[in-house]
Amino acid sequence: MQPQLKSIKKEDDAEMGKLIKSVLTEFKANKPGTAYFDESTDHLSTVFTEVKSAYWVLEEAGKIVGGGGIYPTAGLPENTCELVKLYLAPETRGKGFGKLIINQCIAKAKAFGYKYVYLESMPELNQAVNLYEKLGFEYLNKPLGNTGHFGCNLWMLKKL
């Protein structure tokens, strides 16, 4: 059965938090200043009740195998949201699901009236960075906004 995208619910929080932490550990990116130590990682459904934010989980056979969303991060320029907490389980990578989630995020960002999507990443997550490049995200030479993720040293922006 093909995985399905759905809006996050409270009952998805623990499983999604666990997935995010396991992916960061897998890529040796479980360091301070990343989502690994972000207290919101374990209760994403409450975070994404914020106006003009959205988060989807990728579910396969009742199991969460990925997720990603957009958020109006404090300090970002007007009309800009952040692509946040995009993670996929190892078995779902390379099958187009990252692109599916990002395209869902971009469509919702446009619907919300955003003109730009910003993201932060790190070289350790090179598969994701390659996908961002393919989808038209361009490198910035400094971070935007107040994400609190000082452990990230790659910053990218896409004009919608």
Protein backbone atom coordinates (compact mmCIF):
# COMPACT_ATOMS: atom_id res chain seq x y z
CA MET A 1 0.00 0.00 0.00
CA GLN A 2 1.28 3.45 -0.96
CA PRO A 3 2.03 5.84 1.94
CA GLN A 4 -0.54 8.60 2.46
CA LEU A 5 -0.04 12.22 3.51
CA LYS A 6 -2.33 13.47 6.28
CA SER A 7 -2.43 16.42 8.64
CA ILE A 8 -0.71 15.70 11.93
CA LYS A 9 -2.86 14.76 14.92
CA LYS A 10 -2.01 14.55 18.61
CA GLU A 11 -1.76 10.76 18.44
CA ASP A 12 1.04 11.12 15.83
CA ASP A 13 3.27 13.28 18.06
CA ALA A 14 5.31 10.62 19.87
CA GLU A 15 5.96 8.54 16.75
CA MET A 16 6.97 11.58 14.66
CA GLY A 17 9.24 12.89 17.43
CA LYS A 18 10.92 9.50 17.65
CA LEU A 19 11.40 9.39 13.86
CA ILE A 20 12.98 12.86 13.78
CA LYS A 21 15.43 11.95 16.54
CA SER A 22 16.33 8.61 14.93
CA VAL A 23 17.05 10.24 11.54
CA LEU A 24 19.23 12.92 13.13
CA THR A 25 21.10 10.21 15.06
CA GLU A 26 21.52 8.14 11.88
CA PHE A 27 23.22 11.08 10.13
CA LYS A 28 25.26 12.06 13.22
CA ALA A 29 23.36 15.36 13.32
CA ASN A 30 21.92 14.85 16.83
CA LYS A 31 23.70 17.86 18.24
CA PRO A 32 22.71 21.00 20.13
CA GLY A 33 21.04 23.66 18.03
CA THR A 34 19.08 21.14 15.94
CA ALA A 35 15.55 19.71 16.04
CA TYR A 36 16.98 16.86 18.14
CA PHE A 37 17.09 19.18 21.16
CA ASP A 38 14.07 21.28 20.16
CA GLU A 39 11.42 20.67 22.84
CA SER A 40 8.64 21.11 20.28
CA THR A 41 9.77 17.98 18.39
CA ASP A 42 7.72 15.76 20.71
CA HIS A 43 4.43 17.69 20.39
CA LEU A 44 4.28 18.95 16.82
CA SER A 45 0.48 18.81 16.63
CA THR A 46 0.22 21.63 19.18
CA VAL A 47 2.95 23.69 17.47
CA PHE A 48 1.16 23.56 14.13
CA THR A 49 -2.05 25.11 15.44
CA GLU A 50 -0.29 28.46 14.79
CA VAL A 51 -1.99 30.59 12.12
CA LYS A 52 -0.57 30.03 8.61
CA SER A 53 1.27 26.88 9.64
CA ALA A 54 0.70 23.25 8.59
CA TYR A 55 2.35 19.88 9.13
CA TRP A 56 1.78 16.56 7.41
CA VAL A 57 2.82 13.06 8.33
CA LEU A 58 3.44 10.32 5.80
CA GLU A 59 1.70 7.17 6.99
CA GLU A 60 2.14 3.65 5.64
CA ALA A 61 0.18 0.71 7.03
CA GLY A 62 -0.63 2.66 10.21
CA LYS A 63 3.01 3.64 10.82
CA ILE A 64 4.47 7.16 10.53
CA VAL A 65 7.33 7.02 7.99
CA GLY A 66 7.88 10.72 7.36
CA GLY A 67 6.69 14.25 7.78
CA GLY A 68 7.24 17.90 7.04
CA GLY A 69 5.58 21.28 7.33
CA ILE A 70 5.67 25.05 7.05
CA TYR A 71 5.78 27.54 9.89
CA PRO A 72 5.78 31.37 10.22
CA THR A 73 9.04 31.41 12.18
CA ALA A 74 9.64 34.54 14.26
CA GLY A 75 11.91 37.10 12.67
CA LEU A 76 11.52 35.92 9.08
CA PRO A 77 10.88 38.59 6.46
CA GLU A 78 7.25 39.36 5.69
CA ASN A 79 5.62 36.86 3.29
CA THR A 80 8.18 34.16 4.20
CA CYS A 81 7.57 30.85 5.97
CA GLU A 82 10.02 28.15 6.94
CA LEU A 83 10.04 24.57 5.67
CA VAL A 84 10.46 22.67 8.91
CA LYS A 85 11.06 19.23 10.31
CA LEU A 86 11.17 17.35 7.01
CA TYR A 87 12.25 13.80 7.82
CA LEU A 88 11.82 10.40 6.18
CA ALA A 89 12.40 6.91 7.53
CA PRO A 90 15.24 5.08 5.71
CA GLU A 91 12.88 2.72 3.89
CA THR A 92 10.95 5.59 2.28
CA ARG A 93 13.90 7.58 0.95
CA GLY A 94 14.65 7.82 -2.76
CA LYS A 95 11.04 7.12 -3.73
CA GLY A 96 9.81 10.67 -4.29
CA PHE A 97 8.15 11.14 -0.89
CA GLY A 98 10.41 14.03 0.14
CA LYS A 99 9.43 15.82 -3.05
CA LEU A 100 5.76 14.97 -2.39
CA ILE A 101 5.92 16.52 1.09
CA ILE A 102 7.83 19.60 -0.11
CA ASN A 103 5.36 20.15 -2.96
CA GLN A 104 2.48 19.88 -0.47
CA CYS A 105 4.24 22.47 1.72
CA ILE A 106 4.84 24.80 -1.23
CA ALA A 107 1.20 24.54 -2.37
CA LYS A 108 -0.03 25.37 1.14
CA ALA A 109 2.48 28.22 1.48
CA LYS A 110 1.12 29.73 -1.74
CA ALA A 111 -2.46 29.24 -0.50
CA PHE A 112 -1.54 31.07 2.72
CA GLY A 113 -0.14 33.95 0.63
CA TYR A 114 3.55 33.41 1.30
CA LYS A 115 5.98 34.53 -1.41
CA TYR A 116 9.08 32.70 -0.14
CA VAL A 117 9.95 29.46 1.64
CA TYR A 118 13.10 29.44 3.78
CA LEU A 119 14.87 26.42 5.22
CA GLU A 120 17.86 25.53 7.32
CA SER A 121 19.85 22.33 7.03
CA MET A 122 23.35 20.93 7.40
CA PRO A 123 25.82 19.07 5.18
CA GLU A 124 25.18 15.83 7.09
CA LEU A 125 21.69 15.77 5.55
CA ASN A 126 23.12 15.79 2.02
CA GLN A 127 20.29 13.76 0.44
CA ALA A 128 17.79 16.37 1.57
CA VAL A 129 20.07 19.24 0.50
CA ASN A 130 20.36 17.73 -2.99
CA LEU A 131 16.56 17.58 -3.20
CA TYR A 132 16.21 21.20 -2.09
CA GLU A 133 18.62 22.23 -4.85
CA LYS A 134 16.64 20.26 -7.47
CA LEU A 135 13.41 21.91 -6.31
CA GLY A 136 14.79 25.41 -6.81
CA PHE A 137 15.98 26.42 -3.35
CA GLU A 138 18.96 28.76 -3.54
CA TYR A 139 21.75 29.18 -1.01
CA LEU A 140 21.94 32.18 1.31
CA ASN A 141 25.15 33.26 3.04
CA LYS A 142 23.51 33.85 6.42
CA PRO A 143 20.46 32.66 8.37
CA LEU A 144 17.10 34.42 8.42
CA GLY A 145 14.73 34.68 11.38
CA ASN A 146 15.00 33.39 14.93
CA THR A 147 14.86 29.61 14.53
CA GLY A 148 17.14 28.82 17.45
CA HIS A 149 18.83 26.15 15.32
CA PHE A 150 22.39 27.40 15.60
CA GLY A 151 23.57 23.88 14.73
CA CYS A 152 22.43 24.38 11.14
CA ASN A 153 24.92 25.99 8.78
CA LEU A 154 23.15 25.79 5.42
CA TRP A 155 20.41 28.30 4.64
CA MET A 156 18.25 28.26 1.53
CA LEU A 157 15.35 30.24 0.07
CA LYS A 158 12.83 29.53 -2.68
CA LYS A 159 10.72 32.20 -4.39
CA LEU A 160 7.19 30.95 -4.97
